């Protein structure tokens, strides 16, 4: 069974590239380019994990992460950002969210998602 991911990235080229890489790794990926559409997708789908850009044009990636994690036992998100400062690093560590600095290697994203999968299936 494929893991179902929501990928939220406002850069369409990067989003499509990441979706293709993840699908080649066996993931089922829905893409969203903004917060409004992301909330609609979260409401109507059951995702195993979230890959989300920190800075989106209409909303902070945090708002989407918070909505996604409302009824989850384990945090299951990878935040990606070209703007990661110390405040963001502390916050993701406190919330047990994985952070990847842009640019990142494809294998780093796959490793982060595998780590999430291992955490959620450890119990």
C-alpha atoms as a PDB file:
ATOM      1  CA  UNK A   1       0.000   0.000   0.000  1.00  0.00           C
ATOM      2  CA  UNK A   2       1.353   3.425  -0.958  1.00  0.00           C
ATOM      3  CA  UNK A   3       1.867   6.112   1.623  1.00  0.00           C
ATOM      4  CA  UNK A   4      -0.270   9.117   0.796  1.00  0.00           C
ATOM      5  CA  UNK A   5       1.414  12.525   1.062  1.00  0.00           C
ATOM      6  CA  UNK A   6       0.307  16.100   0.751  1.00  0.00           C
ATOM      7  CA  UNK A   7       3.052  18.240  -0.770  1.00  0.00           C
ATOM      8  CA  UNK A   8       2.533  21.978  -0.251  1.00  0.00           C
ATOM      9  CA  UNK A   9       4.983  24.113  -2.238  1.00  0.00           C
ATOM     10  CA  UNK A  10       4.195  27.348  -4.070  1.00  0.00           C
ATOM     11  CA  UNK A  11       7.001  26.896  -6.619  1.00  0.00           C
ATOM     12  CA  UNK A  12       5.222  24.840  -9.267  1.00  0.00           C
ATOM     13  CA  UNK A  13       8.404  23.515 -10.883  1.00  0.00           C
ATOM     14  CA  UNK A  14       9.856  22.375  -7.551  1.00  0.00           C
ATOM     15  CA  UNK A  15       6.514  20.895  -6.516  1.00  0.00           C
ATOM     16  CA  UNK A  16       6.159  18.843  -9.690  1.00  0.00           C
ATOM     17  CA  UNK A  17       9.797  17.709  -9.491  1.00  0.00           C
ATOM     18  CA  UNK A  18       9.443  16.602  -5.865  1.00  0.00           C
ATOM     19  CA  UNK A  19       6.126  14.882  -6.597  1.00  0.00           C
ATOM     20  CA  UNK A  20       7.732  12.912  -9.430  1.00  0.00           C
ATOM     21  CA  UNK A  21      10.663  11.859  -7.222  1.00  0.00           C
ATOM     22  CA  UNK A  22       8.330  10.805  -4.407  1.00  0.00           C
ATOM     23  CA  UNK A  23       6.027   8.900  -6.746  1.00  0.00           C
ATOM     24  CA  UNK A  24       9.067   7.024  -8.106  1.00  0.00           C
ATOM     25  CA  UNK A  25       9.758   6.034  -4.477  1.00  0.00           C
ATOM     26  CA  UNK A  26       6.253   4.562  -4.184  1.00  0.00           C
ATOM     27  CA  UNK A  27       4.394   7.464  -2.584  1.00  0.00           C
ATOM     28  CA  UNK A  28       1.003   8.718  -3.703  1.00  0.00           C
ATOM     29  CA  UNK A  29       1.297  12.515  -3.817  1.00  0.00           C
ATOM     30  CA  UNK A  30      -1.264  15.305  -3.935  1.00  0.00           C
ATOM     31  CA  UNK A  31       0.171  18.747  -4.654  1.00  0.00           C
ATOM     32  CA  UNK A  32      -1.058  22.069  -3.381  1.00  0.00           C
ATOM     33  CA  UNK A  33       0.412  25.477  -4.127  1.00  0.00           C
ATOM     34  CA  UNK A  34      -1.267  27.514  -1.379  1.00  0.00           C
ATOM     35  CA  UNK A  35      -2.870  27.310   2.031  1.00  0.00           C
ATOM     36  CA  UNK A  36      -6.491  27.602   0.947  1.00  0.00           C
ATOM     37  CA  UNK A  37      -6.302  24.560  -1.316  1.00  0.00           C
ATOM     38  CA  UNK A  38      -4.264  22.672   1.296  1.00  0.00           C
ATOM     39  CA  UNK A  39      -7.042  23.030   3.875  1.00  0.00           C
ATOM     40  CA  UNK A  40      -9.561  21.674   1.348  1.00  0.00           C
ATOM     41  CA  UNK A  41      -7.348  18.689   0.604  1.00  0.00           C
ATOM     42  CA  UNK A  42      -6.748  17.983   4.315  1.00  0.00           C
ATOM     43  CA  UNK A  43     -10.484  18.028   4.927  1.00  0.00           C
ATOM     44  CA  UNK A  44     -11.283  15.524   2.200  1.00  0.00           C
ATOM     45  CA  UNK A  45      -8.261  13.165   2.375  1.00  0.00           C
ATOM     46  CA  UNK A  46      -6.424  11.046   4.897  1.00  0.00           C
ATOM     47  CA  UNK A  47      -2.695  11.694   4.493  1.00  0.00           C
ATOM     48  CA  UNK A  48       0.106   9.732   6.106  1.00  0.00           C
ATOM     49  CA  UNK A  49       2.528  12.666   6.019  1.00  0.00           C
ATOM     50  CA  UNK A  50       2.922  16.268   4.987  1.00  0.00           C
ATOM     51  CA  UNK A  51       5.795  17.923   3.131  1.00  0.00           C
ATOM     52  CA  UNK A  52       5.339  21.662   3.389  1.00  0.00           C
ATOM     53  CA  UNK A  53       7.084  24.883   2.512  1.00  0.00           C
ATOM     54  CA  UNK A  54       7.482  27.248   5.459  1.00  0.00           C
ATOM     55  CA  UNK A  55       6.657  30.386   3.459  1.00  0.00           C
ATOM     56  CA  UNK A  56       3.561  30.270   1.295  1.00  0.00           C
ATOM     57  CA  UNK A  57       1.924  33.193  -0.515  1.00  0.00           C
ATOM     58  CA  UNK A  58      -1.316  33.198   1.477  1.00  0.00           C
ATOM     59  CA  UNK A  59      -0.584  31.606   4.865  1.00  0.00           C
ATOM     60  CA  UNK A  60       2.218  30.325   7.036  1.00  0.00           C
ATOM     61  CA  UNK A  61       3.075  26.679   6.627  1.00  0.00           C
ATOM     62  CA  UNK A  62       2.644  26.398  10.408  1.00  0.00           C
ATOM     63  CA  UNK A  63      -1.104  26.888  10.176  1.00  0.00           C
ATOM     64  CA  UNK A  64      -1.358  23.926   7.823  1.00  0.00           C
ATOM     65  CA  UNK A  65       0.919  21.772   9.997  1.00  0.00           C
ATOM     66  CA  UNK A  66      -1.195  22.583  13.067  1.00  0.00           C
ATOM     67  CA  UNK A  67      -4.395  21.609  11.256  1.00  0.00           C
ATOM     68  CA  UNK A  68      -2.783  18.402   9.984  1.00  0.00           C
ATOM     69  CA  UNK A  69      -1.540  17.399  13.446  1.00  0.00           C
ATOM     70  CA  UNK A  70      -4.786  18.095  15.340  1.00  0.00           C
ATOM     71  CA  UNK A  71      -5.891  14.480  15.564  1.00  0.00           C
ATOM     72  CA  UNK A  72      -2.620  12.637  15.048  1.00  0.00           C
ATOM     73  CA  UNK A  73      -0.735  10.606  17.614  1.00  0.00           C
ATOM     74  CA  UNK A  74       2.656  11.404  16.059  1.00  0.00           C
ATOM     75  CA  UNK A  75       3.867  14.483  14.201  1.00  0.00           C
ATOM     76  CA  UNK A  76       4.232  13.510  10.566  1.00  0.00           C
ATOM     77  CA  UNK A  77       5.588  16.513   8.718  1.00  0.00           C
ATOM     78  CA  UNK A  78       8.697  17.601   6.910  1.00  0.00           C
ATOM     79  CA  UNK A  79       9.035  21.368   6.647  1.00  0.00           C
ATOM     80  CA  UNK A  80      11.206  22.748   3.867  1.00  0.00           C
ATOM     81  CA  UNK A  81      12.570  26.266   3.875  1.00  0.00           C
ATOM     82  CA  UNK A  82      15.160  28.574   2.407  1.00  0.00           C
ATOM     83  CA  UNK A  83      14.532  30.899   5.379  1.00  0.00           C
ATOM     84  CA  UNK A  84      15.252  28.717   8.401  1.00  0.00           C
ATOM     85  CA  UNK A  85      16.461  30.914  11.254  1.00  0.00           C
ATOM     86  CA  UNK A  86      17.133  29.879  14.857  1.00  0.00           C
ATOM     87  CA  UNK A  87      13.526  30.554  15.907  1.00  0.00           C
ATOM     88  CA  UNK A  88      12.238  28.193  13.216  1.00  0.00           C
ATOM     89  CA  UNK A  89      14.839  25.558  14.129  1.00  0.00           C
ATOM     90  CA  UNK A  90      13.791  25.666  17.796  1.00  0.00           C
ATOM     91  CA  UNK A  91      10.110  25.465  16.908  1.00  0.00           C
ATOM     92  CA  UNK A  92      10.417  22.456  14.612  1.00  0.00           C
ATOM     93  CA  UNK A  93      12.556  20.692  17.220  1.00  0.00           C
ATOM     94  CA  UNK A  94       9.975  21.401  19.923  1.00  0.00           C
ATOM     95  CA  UNK A  95       7.136  20.140  17.698  1.00  0.00           C
ATOM     96  CA  UNK A  96       9.082  17.065  16.469  1.00  0.00           C
ATOM     97  CA  UNK A  97       8.821  18.210  12.877  1.00  0.00           C
ATOM     98  CA  UNK A  98      11.686  17.467  10.531  1.00  0.00           C
ATOM     99  CA  UNK A  99      13.296  20.427   8.779  1.00  0.00           C
ATOM    100  CA  UNK A 100      15.138  20.461   5.471  1.00  0.00           C
ATOM    101  CA  UNK A 101      16.973  23.556   4.321  1.00  0.00           C
ATOM    102  CA  UNK A 102      16.545  24.468   0.664  1.00  0.00           C
ATOM    103  CA  UNK A 103      18.315  23.445  -1.409  1.00  0.00           C
ATOM    104  CA  UNK A 104      18.358  19.835  -0.245  1.00  0.00           C
ATOM    105  CA  UNK A 105      19.253  16.542  -1.851  1.00  0.00           C
ATOM    106  CA  UNK A 106      16.449  14.232  -2.940  1.00  0.00           C
ATOM    107  CA  UNK A 107      17.873  11.482  -0.729  1.00  0.00           C
ATOM    108  CA  UNK A 108      17.511  13.796   2.303  1.00  0.00           C
ATOM    109  CA  UNK A 109      13.770  14.121   1.690  1.00  0.00           C
ATOM    110  CA  UNK A 110      13.367  10.369   1.234  1.00  0.00           C
ATOM    111  CA  UNK A 111      15.351   9.739   4.438  1.00  0.00           C
ATOM    112  CA  UNK A 112      13.173  12.228   6.344  1.00  0.00           C
ATOM    113  CA  UNK A 113       9.974  10.535   5.145  1.00  0.00           C
ATOM    114  CA  UNK A 114      11.389   7.106   6.001  1.00  0.00           C
ATOM    115  CA  UNK A 115      12.183   8.422   9.471  1.00  0.00           C
ATOM    116  CA  UNK A 116       8.589   9.559   9.904  1.00  0.00           C
ATOM    117  CA  UNK A 117       7.343   6.172   8.743  1.00  0.00           C
ATOM    118  CA  UNK A 118       9.606   4.416  11.244  1.00  0.00           C
ATOM    119  CA  UNK A 119       8.388   6.655  14.100  1.00  0.00           C
ATOM    120  CA  UNK A 120       4.715   6.086  13.353  1.00  0.00           C
ATOM    121  CA  UNK A 121       5.068   2.319  13.042  1.00  0.00           C
ATOM    122  CA  UNK A 122       7.313   1.833  16.085  1.00  0.00           C
ATOM    123  CA  UNK A 123       4.377   1.471  18.483  1.00  0.00           C
END
